[in-house]
Protein backbone atom coordinates (compact mmCIF):
# COMPACT_ATOMS: atom_id res chain seq x y z
CA MET A 1 0.55 5.40 -21.60
CA ALA A 2 2.16 7.43 -18.43
CA ASP A 3 5.59 7.47 -17.85
CA SER A 4 5.99 5.03 -15.00
CA ILE A 5 6.46 6.06 -11.18
CA LEU A 6 8.46 2.81 -10.42
CA THR A 7 10.97 0.68 -12.15
CA LEU A 8 13.41 -2.15 -10.68
CA LYS A 9 15.83 -3.36 -12.70
CA ASN A 10 17.49 -7.33 -12.28
CA LEU A 11 16.28 -6.23 -8.39
CA SER A 12 17.54 -8.82 -5.84
CA VAL A 13 15.68 -8.41 -2.67
CA GLY A 14 17.36 -10.16 0.53
CA TYR A 15 19.04 -10.06 4.10
CA ASP A 16 22.01 -12.20 4.34
CA GLU A 17 21.17 -14.39 1.31
CA PRO A 18 18.73 -13.53 -1.23
CA LEU A 19 15.07 -14.01 -1.22
CA ILE A 20 13.94 -12.90 -4.84
CA THR A 21 16.17 -12.27 -7.46
CA ASN A 22 16.78 -10.78 -11.12
CA ILE A 23 13.20 -8.97 -10.75
CA ASN A 24 12.51 -6.39 -13.91
CA VAL A 25 8.94 -4.99 -14.09
CA GLU A 26 7.67 -1.24 -13.86
CA VAL A 27 4.56 0.14 -12.19
CA PHE A 28 2.25 2.90 -13.77
CA PRO A 29 0.21 5.55 -12.12
CA GLY A 30 -3.31 4.33 -11.55
CA GLU A 31 -2.43 0.15 -11.18
CA ILE A 32 -3.44 -1.78 -7.82
CA ILE A 33 -0.83 -4.43 -8.27
CA ALA A 34 -0.91 -7.17 -5.38
CA ILE A 35 1.59 -9.35 -4.22
CA LEU A 36 1.22 -12.79 -3.64
CA GLY A 37 3.25 -15.97 -3.01
CA PRO A 38 3.21 -17.95 0.92
CA SER A 39 4.91 -16.50 4.02
CA GLY A 40 8.26 -16.03 4.67
CA ILE A 41 8.86 -15.85 0.70
CA GLY A 42 10.06 -12.05 0.20
CA LYS A 43 6.72 -10.10 0.08
CA THR A 44 7.36 -8.02 2.98
CA THR A 45 11.15 -7.13 2.20
CA LEU A 46 10.32 -6.66 -1.29
CA ILE A 47 7.79 -3.69 -0.35
CA ARG A 48 9.90 -3.17 2.54
CA THR A 49 13.21 -2.56 -0.19
CA ILE A 50 10.90 -0.57 -2.21
CA SER A 51 10.38 2.08 0.60
CA GLY A 52 13.86 2.72 1.09
CA LEU A 53 14.00 0.44 4.30
CA VAL A 54 15.74 -2.45 3.20
CA ARG A 55 18.91 -2.17 0.75
CA PRO A 56 19.21 -3.86 -2.23
CA LEU A 57 21.18 -6.75 -2.35
CA SER A 58 22.23 -5.89 -5.92
CA GLY A 59 20.17 -4.17 -9.27
CA SER A 60 18.94 -1.05 -8.90
CA PHE A 61 15.12 0.50 -8.76
CA GLU A 62 14.03 4.03 -10.01
CA LEU A 63 11.44 5.93 -7.67
CA LYS A 64 10.11 8.71 -9.58
CA VAL A 65 7.71 10.30 -7.14
CA GLU A 66 7.87 13.63 -5.24
CA LYS A 67 10.31 14.46 -2.26
CA ARG A 68 7.42 15.53 -0.20
CA GLY A 69 4.92 12.95 0.62
CA GLY A 70 5.11 11.12 -2.89
CA LEU A 71 5.28 7.38 -1.10
CA GLY A 72 2.99 6.33 1.46
CA TYR A 73 3.60 2.98 3.17
CA ILE A 74 1.31 1.23 5.31
CA PRO A 75 3.36 -1.36 7.20
CA GLN A 76 2.25 -4.54 8.80
CA ARG A 77 2.38 -3.21 12.18
CA LEU A 78 0.66 0.36 10.88
CA GLY A 79 3.27 2.47 12.74
CA LEU A 80 0.61 4.53 14.59
CA VAL A 81 1.23 6.52 17.25
CA ARG A 82 -1.08 4.58 19.92
CA HIS A 83 -1.26 6.61 22.90
CA ALA A 84 -2.45 9.79 20.53
CA THR A 85 -6.24 10.16 18.96
CA VAL A 86 -7.24 8.84 16.15
CA ALA A 87 -7.01 12.43 14.32
CA HIS A 88 -3.99 13.26 14.99
CA ASN A 89 -2.48 10.02 13.61
CA VAL A 90 -4.68 10.82 10.35
CA SER A 91 -3.38 14.63 10.46
CA LEU A 92 0.70 13.08 10.51
CA GLY A 93 -0.12 12.04 6.47
CA ALA A 94 -1.45 15.49 5.52
CA ARG A 95 1.28 17.16 7.54
CA THR A 96 3.54 14.51 5.65
CA ARG A 97 2.37 15.50 1.78
CA ILE A 98 1.52 19.42 2.57
CA GLY A 99 3.87 20.64 5.04
CA PHE A 100 3.57 22.28 8.77
CA SER A 101 3.28 25.87 8.53
CA LEU A 102 0.07 27.14 9.89
CA ASN A 103 -1.73 28.31 6.73
CA MET A 104 -1.90 25.03 6.19
CA TRP A 105 -3.68 23.96 9.26
CA LYS A 106 -7.43 24.22 7.08
CA GLU A 107 -6.76 21.97 4.20
CA ARG A 108 -4.57 19.42 7.18
CA SER A 109 -8.12 19.64 9.36
CA GLN A 110 -10.20 18.99 6.24
CA ARG A 111 -7.87 16.24 4.07
CA THR A 112 -7.80 14.18 8.07
CA MET A 113 -11.62 14.89 8.10
CA GLU A 114 -12.80 13.74 4.76
CA ALA A 115 -10.54 10.31 5.21
CA LEU A 116 -12.40 9.55 8.32
CA ARG A 117 -15.40 9.70 7.01
CA MET A 118 -14.41 7.79 3.84
CA LEU A 119 -13.15 5.25 6.03
CA GLY A 120 -16.03 5.15 8.35
CA ILE A 121 -14.49 6.30 11.61
CA ALA A 122 -15.22 9.80 12.20
CA ASP A 123 -16.53 9.19 15.70
CA LYS A 124 -13.52 7.78 16.95
CA SER A 125 -11.52 11.25 15.86
CA ASN A 126 -10.86 12.04 19.48
CA GLU A 127 -10.26 8.50 20.60
CA PRO A 128 -6.56 7.54 21.77
CA VAL A 129 -6.00 4.67 18.86
CA ARG A 130 -4.93 2.27 21.51
CA ARG A 131 -8.60 1.82 22.48
CA LEU A 132 -9.34 0.41 19.34
CA SER A 133 -9.97 -2.84 18.39
CA GLY A 134 -7.10 -4.42 15.75
CA GLY A 135 -9.11 -3.77 12.22
CA GLN A 136 -10.29 -0.25 13.29
CA GLN A 137 -6.37 0.76 13.87
CA ARG A 138 -6.40 -0.60 10.05
CA ARG A 139 -8.12 1.68 9.59
CA VAL A 140 -7.14 4.58 10.94
CA ALA A 141 -3.51 3.36 8.83
CA THR A 142 -5.46 3.76 5.70
CA ALA A 143 -6.85 6.95 6.57
CA ARG A 144 -3.60 8.12 7.42
CA THR A 145 -2.77 7.36 3.87
CA LEU A 146 -5.87 9.00 2.19
CA ALA A 147 -5.20 12.14 4.00
CA GLN A 148 -1.76 12.03 2.65
CA ARG A 149 -2.46 10.95 -0.87
CA PRO A 150 0.76 9.52 -2.18
CA GLN A 151 1.31 8.93 -5.76
CA LEU A 152 2.30 5.53 -4.81
CA MET A 153 1.22 3.36 -1.60
CA LEU A 154 2.65 0.50 -0.29
CA ALA A 155 0.71 -1.73 1.74
CA ASP A 156 1.56 -4.70 3.79
CA GLU A 157 -1.40 -6.69 4.70
CA PHE A 158 -3.63 -3.74 5.34
CA LEU A 159 -6.96 -5.36 4.67
CA GLY A 160 -5.91 -7.95 7.63
CA GLU A 161 -8.08 -8.18 10.69
CA LEU A 162 -10.92 -6.60 8.39
CA ASP A 163 -14.71 -8.36 7.49
CA HIS A 164 -16.07 -8.75 4.15
CA SER A 165 -17.88 -5.29 4.40
CA ASN A 166 -14.84 -3.27 6.24
CA VAL A 167 -12.71 -4.68 3.47
CA GLU A 168 -15.01 -2.97 0.73
CA ILE A 169 -15.04 0.29 2.64
CA VAL A 170 -11.26 0.67 2.50
CA PHE A 171 -10.91 -0.13 -1.28
CA LYS A 172 -13.89 2.25 -1.90
CA ALA A 173 -12.26 4.96 -0.42
CA VAL A 174 -8.59 3.94 -1.44
CA GLN A 175 -10.27 4.08 -5.23
CA THR A 176 -10.45 7.53 -4.79
CA LEU A 177 -6.72 7.61 -4.92
CA VAL A 178 -6.31 5.44 -7.97
CA GLU A 179 -8.74 7.20 -9.71
CA ASN A 180 -6.68 9.84 -9.39
CA GLY A 181 -3.30 8.23 -10.61
CA THR A 182 -2.21 6.94 -7.39
CA ALA A 183 -0.52 3.57 -7.93
CA VAL A 184 -0.74 0.76 -4.92
CA ILE A 185 1.37 -2.13 -4.56
CA MET A 186 -0.23 -4.43 -2.04
CA VAL A 187 1.31 -7.60 0.08
CA GLU A 188 -1.57 -9.54 0.07
CA HIS A 189 -2.21 -13.39 1.56
CA HIS A 190 -6.20 -13.68 0.39
CA ASP A 191 -6.58 -14.66 -3.25
CA ASP A 192 -10.37 -13.56 -3.63
CA ASN A 193 -9.21 -9.65 -2.21
CA ALA A 194 -6.63 -9.84 -5.37
CA GLN A 195 -9.10 -10.78 -7.87
CA LEU A 196 -11.45 -8.37 -6.81
CA PHE A 197 -9.32 -5.33 -6.57
CA ALA A 198 -5.81 -5.99 -8.41
CA THR A 199 -5.15 -4.73 -11.92
CA ARG A 200 -1.83 -7.09 -11.91
CA ILE A 201 -0.31 -10.05 -9.95
CA TRP A 202 2.70 -10.15 -8.84
CA ASN A 203 3.09 -14.27 -7.42
CA ILE A 204 6.62 -14.56 -5.58
CA LYS A 205 7.23 -18.59 -6.20
CA ASP A 206 10.74 -19.75 -5.15
CA ASP A 207 12.94 -16.71 -5.71
CA THR A 208 11.23 -15.72 -8.46
CA LEU A 209 8.42 -13.12 -9.17
CA GLU A 210 6.07 -13.35 -11.95
CA ASP A 211 4.82 -10.41 -13.07
CA LEU A 212 0.99 -11.60 -14.67
CA SER A 213 -1.68 -9.46 -15.82
CA LEU A 214 -5.12 -10.43 -14.05
CA GLU A 215 -6.16 -11.80 -16.98
CA GLN A 216 -3.26 -14.64 -16.98
CA TRP A 217 -4.03 -15.00 -12.77
CA ASN A 218 -7.61 -15.82 -12.85
CA ASN A 219 -7.06 -18.46 -15.82
CA ARG A 220 -4.50 -20.26 -13.41
CA SER A 221 -6.43 -19.77 -11.01
CA HIS A 222 -9.66 -21.89 -12.47
CA GLY A 223 -7.45 -24.27 -14.33
CA GLY A 224 -7.39 -22.53 -17.83
CA GLU A 225 -4.60 -21.96 -19.97
CA GLU A 226 -1.95 -19.16 -19.83
CA GLU A 227 -1.13 -17.95 -22.86
């Protein structure tokens, strides 16, 4: 098995008070991990901590990705430049990974258009983001991460506002990253999406993170006995 790209050791996350305590898990290339649990329990805080936006309350984590663009993050509010075009927003992902120099312009453009086509929004490339629907904006945010090609992708409810057909389009595109070794950690409110796409489940209950295989989660969900 490949070396882990993320290790959490005795990690506790929260703000004034801990929301999740004593987390001990590892993440490996090519995994898709869905974080499940009720609203307000700490799912977003956990991935914001991993992204470096929130300091751990205690414990530590080790993130072993490249400094330039190795970590991709789709926040709940997407972080798009609303007055800029779709293509400009997506190109920011490619720039994060490969730099800003003029001799990289062709590769950035290729990555941008490839990501837009994969997400089915190439026809929107010159539209300002503010004119798009909520679901289309989520696809723009995903395309930005596809163009970046990170080693670890963090996504906070990035499948929200998408109908079933668009969920499939988005995840087919994300799967191209996973097949090339990207690990995905996604906050998800819908068990159905987790069961369709995830390889592991981090189930948060009270202040504890349970690290379950998909088989263990499915056994529990269907009333089976967990080994």
